[in-house]
Amino acid sequence: MFLYDLTNTYFEGRALGNELAKHGKSKEKRSDCPLVTLALLVDGRGFPVFSRIYEENQAEPETLADILDRLVKDGNGLFEANPIIIMDRGIATRDNIELLKSRNYFYLVIERRKAEKQYVQEFETAREQFQAITTASGDTVYLKKLTTAEGNRILCLSEKREDKERAIDNLKEERFLADISKL
């Protein structure tokens, strides 16, 4: 089982000697600084298997084929079967899912938000009909496994995440109302 993710980091200064550092969109809101994208693949124990530095403007979904090619090249003979690839929704495009299937990889991804809409009724009764799991920190997470034509889908409701989403929405609404009142 491998976890694959990317992030970017910025350089203070101009980074003139770094061919990969370019200005662009920064998660830290530092578009004034040159950036690079860091890719990391770790195994189930958290040990790095592969890393790579890309140009800042590298689109996350476009890196998966490169990573899979590198796994085959560097990991030839190390695995009895293809490992399970776990990645976030930023990488889990339709094309990348098809790529994983075509190369016989099992995968675990967080789906893009549009998929949630088809399960609204399921989530309305999650607390009564999903399996409740209490985490080590005492939080409750509700899970339900569904079998579909494409494979298995796990619906997950986290009370902590729900509270966070609600707080984000409330803050956006407060800012919107403040902006409206200024106008």
Protein backbone atom coordinates (compact mmCIF):
# COMPACT_ATOMS: atom_id res chain seq x y z
CA MET A 1 0.00 0.00 0.00
CA PHE A 2 1.45 3.36 -1.05
CA LEU A 3 0.27 6.88 -0.30
CA TYR A 4 0.97 9.44 -3.02
CA ASP A 5 0.65 13.18 -2.55
CA LEU A 6 2.10 16.48 -3.68
CA THR A 7 2.64 19.88 -2.15
CA ASN A 8 4.48 23.02 -3.10
CA THR A 9 7.04 25.04 -1.24
CA TYR A 10 8.41 28.47 -1.89
CA PHE A 11 11.85 30.04 -1.79
CA GLU A 12 12.69 33.28 -0.03
CA GLY A 13 14.73 35.22 -2.53
CA ARG A 14 14.85 34.86 -6.29
CA ALA A 15 16.20 31.26 -6.61
CA LEU A 16 18.01 32.22 -9.80
CA GLY A 17 20.12 29.04 -9.75
CA ASN A 18 17.09 26.74 -9.59
CA GLU A 19 15.68 25.93 -13.04
CA LEU A 20 12.53 24.36 -11.55
CA ALA A 21 11.55 27.31 -9.33
CA LYS A 22 8.89 29.44 -10.96
CA HIS A 23 6.27 31.93 -9.80
CA GLY A 24 2.73 30.60 -9.60
CA LYS A 25 -0.20 29.74 -7.38
CA SER A 26 0.93 28.98 -3.83
CA LYS A 27 -1.08 27.15 -1.17
CA GLU A 28 0.58 29.46 1.36
CA LYS A 29 -0.53 32.55 -0.61
CA ARG A 30 3.09 33.33 -1.52
CA SER A 31 2.74 33.91 -5.25
CA ASP A 32 5.44 36.57 -4.85
CA CYS A 33 8.06 33.82 -4.36
CA PRO A 34 9.40 31.16 -6.72
CA LEU A 35 7.90 27.72 -6.05
CA VAL A 36 8.54 24.04 -6.69
CA THR A 37 6.19 21.08 -6.36
CA LEU A 38 7.28 18.17 -4.18
CA ALA A 39 5.97 14.67 -4.91
CA LEU A 40 6.27 11.88 -2.35
CA LEU A 41 5.26 8.24 -2.40
CA VAL A 42 5.41 6.47 0.99
CA ASP A 43 4.78 2.85 1.88
CA GLY A 44 2.29 1.56 4.45
CA ARG A 45 4.80 2.13 7.25
CA GLY A 46 5.42 5.74 6.23
CA PHE A 47 8.82 5.18 4.64
CA PRO A 48 9.57 7.14 1.45
CA VAL A 49 9.63 4.97 -1.65
CA PHE A 50 9.99 7.69 -4.25
CA SER A 51 10.23 11.46 -4.36
CA ARG A 52 10.58 13.99 -7.09
CA ILE A 53 10.71 17.75 -7.47
CA TYR A 54 8.65 19.25 -10.29
CA GLU A 55 8.32 22.77 -11.62
CA GLU A 56 5.83 24.87 -9.71
CA ASN A 57 3.40 24.94 -12.57
CA GLN A 58 3.23 21.14 -12.75
CA ALA A 59 -0.41 20.02 -12.62
CA GLU A 60 -0.82 17.40 -9.87
CA PRO A 61 -2.89 14.91 -11.93
CA GLU A 62 -0.27 14.82 -14.68
CA THR A 63 2.37 13.36 -12.32
CA LEU A 64 0.71 9.98 -11.66
CA ALA A 65 1.85 8.26 -14.88
CA ASP A 66 5.43 9.33 -14.14
CA ILE A 67 5.22 7.90 -10.62
CA LEU A 68 3.74 4.60 -11.83
CA ASP A 69 6.43 4.30 -14.51
CA ARG A 70 9.08 4.89 -11.86
CA LEU A 71 7.51 2.24 -9.60
CA VAL A 72 7.74 -0.33 -12.38
CA LYS A 73 11.31 0.66 -13.27
CA ASP A 74 12.71 0.94 -9.71
CA GLY A 75 10.48 -1.64 -8.03
CA ASN A 76 10.80 -4.41 -10.60
CA GLY A 77 10.77 -7.67 -8.64
CA LEU A 78 10.17 -6.02 -5.26
CA PHE A 79 6.41 -6.58 -5.25
CA GLU A 80 4.46 -9.80 -5.62
CA ALA A 81 1.59 -7.72 -7.01
CA ASN A 82 0.97 -4.08 -7.76
CA PRO A 83 0.59 -2.10 -4.53
CA ILE A 84 -2.64 -0.30 -3.64
CA ILE A 85 -2.28 3.39 -4.50
CA ILE A 86 -3.90 5.91 -2.15
CA MET A 87 -4.21 9.51 -3.32
CA ASP A 88 -6.32 12.59 -2.72
CA ARG A 89 -8.98 14.12 -4.92
CA GLY A 90 -6.52 16.55 -6.53
CA ILE A 91 -4.85 13.65 -8.31
CA ALA A 92 -7.90 11.38 -8.69
CA THR A 93 -9.16 12.57 -12.06
CA ARG A 94 -11.24 10.32 -14.30
CA ASP A 95 -8.20 9.83 -16.55
CA ASN A 96 -6.00 8.82 -13.61
CA ILE A 97 -8.58 6.33 -12.35
CA GLU A 98 -8.63 4.80 -15.83
CA LEU A 99 -4.82 4.77 -15.86
CA LEU A 100 -4.73 2.86 -12.56
CA LYS A 101 -7.31 0.37 -13.85
CA SER A 102 -5.48 -0.14 -17.14
CA ARG A 103 -2.26 -0.93 -15.25
CA ASN A 104 -4.06 -3.27 -12.83
CA TYR A 105 -3.57 -1.18 -9.69
CA PHE A 106 -6.07 -1.22 -6.88
CA TYR A 107 -6.65 2.25 -5.53
CA LEU A 108 -8.27 4.23 -2.76
CA VAL A 109 -9.22 7.84 -3.45
CA ILE A 110 -11.37 10.60 -2.06
CA GLU A 111 -13.85 11.40 -4.77
CA ARG A 112 -14.46 14.83 -6.07
CA ARG A 113 -17.41 16.68 -4.49
CA LYS A 114 -19.83 16.06 -7.37
CA ALA A 115 -20.07 12.40 -6.34
CA GLU A 116 -21.44 13.37 -2.92
CA LYS A 117 -24.65 14.72 -4.43
CA GLN A 118 -25.90 11.28 -5.44
CA TYR A 119 -25.72 10.14 -1.79
CA VAL A 120 -27.51 13.00 -0.03
CA GLN A 121 -30.29 10.74 1.26
CA GLU A 122 -27.74 8.22 2.56
CA PHE A 123 -25.94 10.92 4.53
CA GLU A 124 -29.19 12.24 6.04
CA THR A 125 -29.58 8.93 7.90
CA ALA A 126 -25.87 8.25 8.43
CA ARG A 127 -25.98 8.43 12.23
CA GLU A 128 -28.73 5.79 12.33
CA GLN A 129 -27.72 3.50 9.46
CA PHE A 130 -23.93 3.71 9.08
CA GLN A 131 -21.43 1.86 11.27
CA ALA A 132 -20.18 4.18 14.04
CA ILE A 133 -16.47 4.06 14.82
CA THR A 134 -14.92 5.96 17.70
CA THR A 135 -11.38 7.14 16.99
CA ALA A 136 -8.52 7.16 19.50
CA SER A 137 -9.16 10.88 20.08
CA GLY A 138 -12.82 10.18 20.95
CA ASP A 139 -14.30 11.49 17.70
CA THR A 140 -17.06 9.51 15.97
CA VAL A 141 -16.88 8.62 12.29
CA TYR A 142 -19.75 6.91 10.46
CA LEU A 143 -19.01 4.49 7.58
CA LYS A 144 -21.05 2.59 5.05
CA LYS A 145 -19.68 0.32 2.32
CA LEU A 146 -21.52 0.23 -1.00
CA THR A 147 -20.79 -2.12 -3.87
CA THR A 148 -21.17 -0.52 -7.29
CA ALA A 149 -20.46 -1.55 -10.87
CA GLU A 150 -17.10 0.32 -10.64
CA GLY A 151 -16.05 -1.33 -7.38
CA ASN A 152 -16.56 -0.52 -3.73
CA ARG A 153 -17.41 2.91 -2.41
CA ILE A 154 -17.10 3.88 1.25
CA LEU A 155 -19.37 6.67 2.44
CA CYS A 156 -17.90 8.48 5.43
CA LEU A 157 -19.36 11.09 7.74
CA SER A 158 -17.08 12.72 10.27
CA GLU A 159 -18.69 14.90 12.92
CA LYS A 160 -15.45 16.83 13.35
CA ARG A 161 -15.19 17.44 9.59
CA GLU A 162 -18.86 18.41 9.47
CA ASP A 163 -18.25 21.00 12.22
CA LYS A 164 -15.23 22.34 10.33
CA GLU A 165 -17.17 22.62 7.06
CA ARG A 166 -20.01 24.40 8.87
CA ALA A 167 -17.55 26.87 10.45
CA ILE A 168 -15.98 27.57 7.04
CA ASP A 169 -19.41 28.16 5.50
CA ASN A 170 -20.41 30.46 8.39
CA LEU A 171 -17.21 32.48 8.00
CA LYS A 172 -17.81 32.86 4.25
CA GLU A 173 -21.37 33.99 4.95
CA GLU A 174 -20.20 36.52 7.57
CA ARG A 175 -17.61 37.95 5.17
CA PHE A 176 -20.18 38.10 2.36
CA LEU A 177 -22.69 39.94 4.57
CA ALA A 178 -19.96 42.35 5.76
CA ASP A 179 -18.99 43.07 2.14
CA ILE A 180 -22.64 43.60 1.18
CA SER A 181 -23.18 46.03 4.06
CA LYS A 182 -20.11 48.03 2.93
CA LEU A 183 -21.56 48.34 -0.55
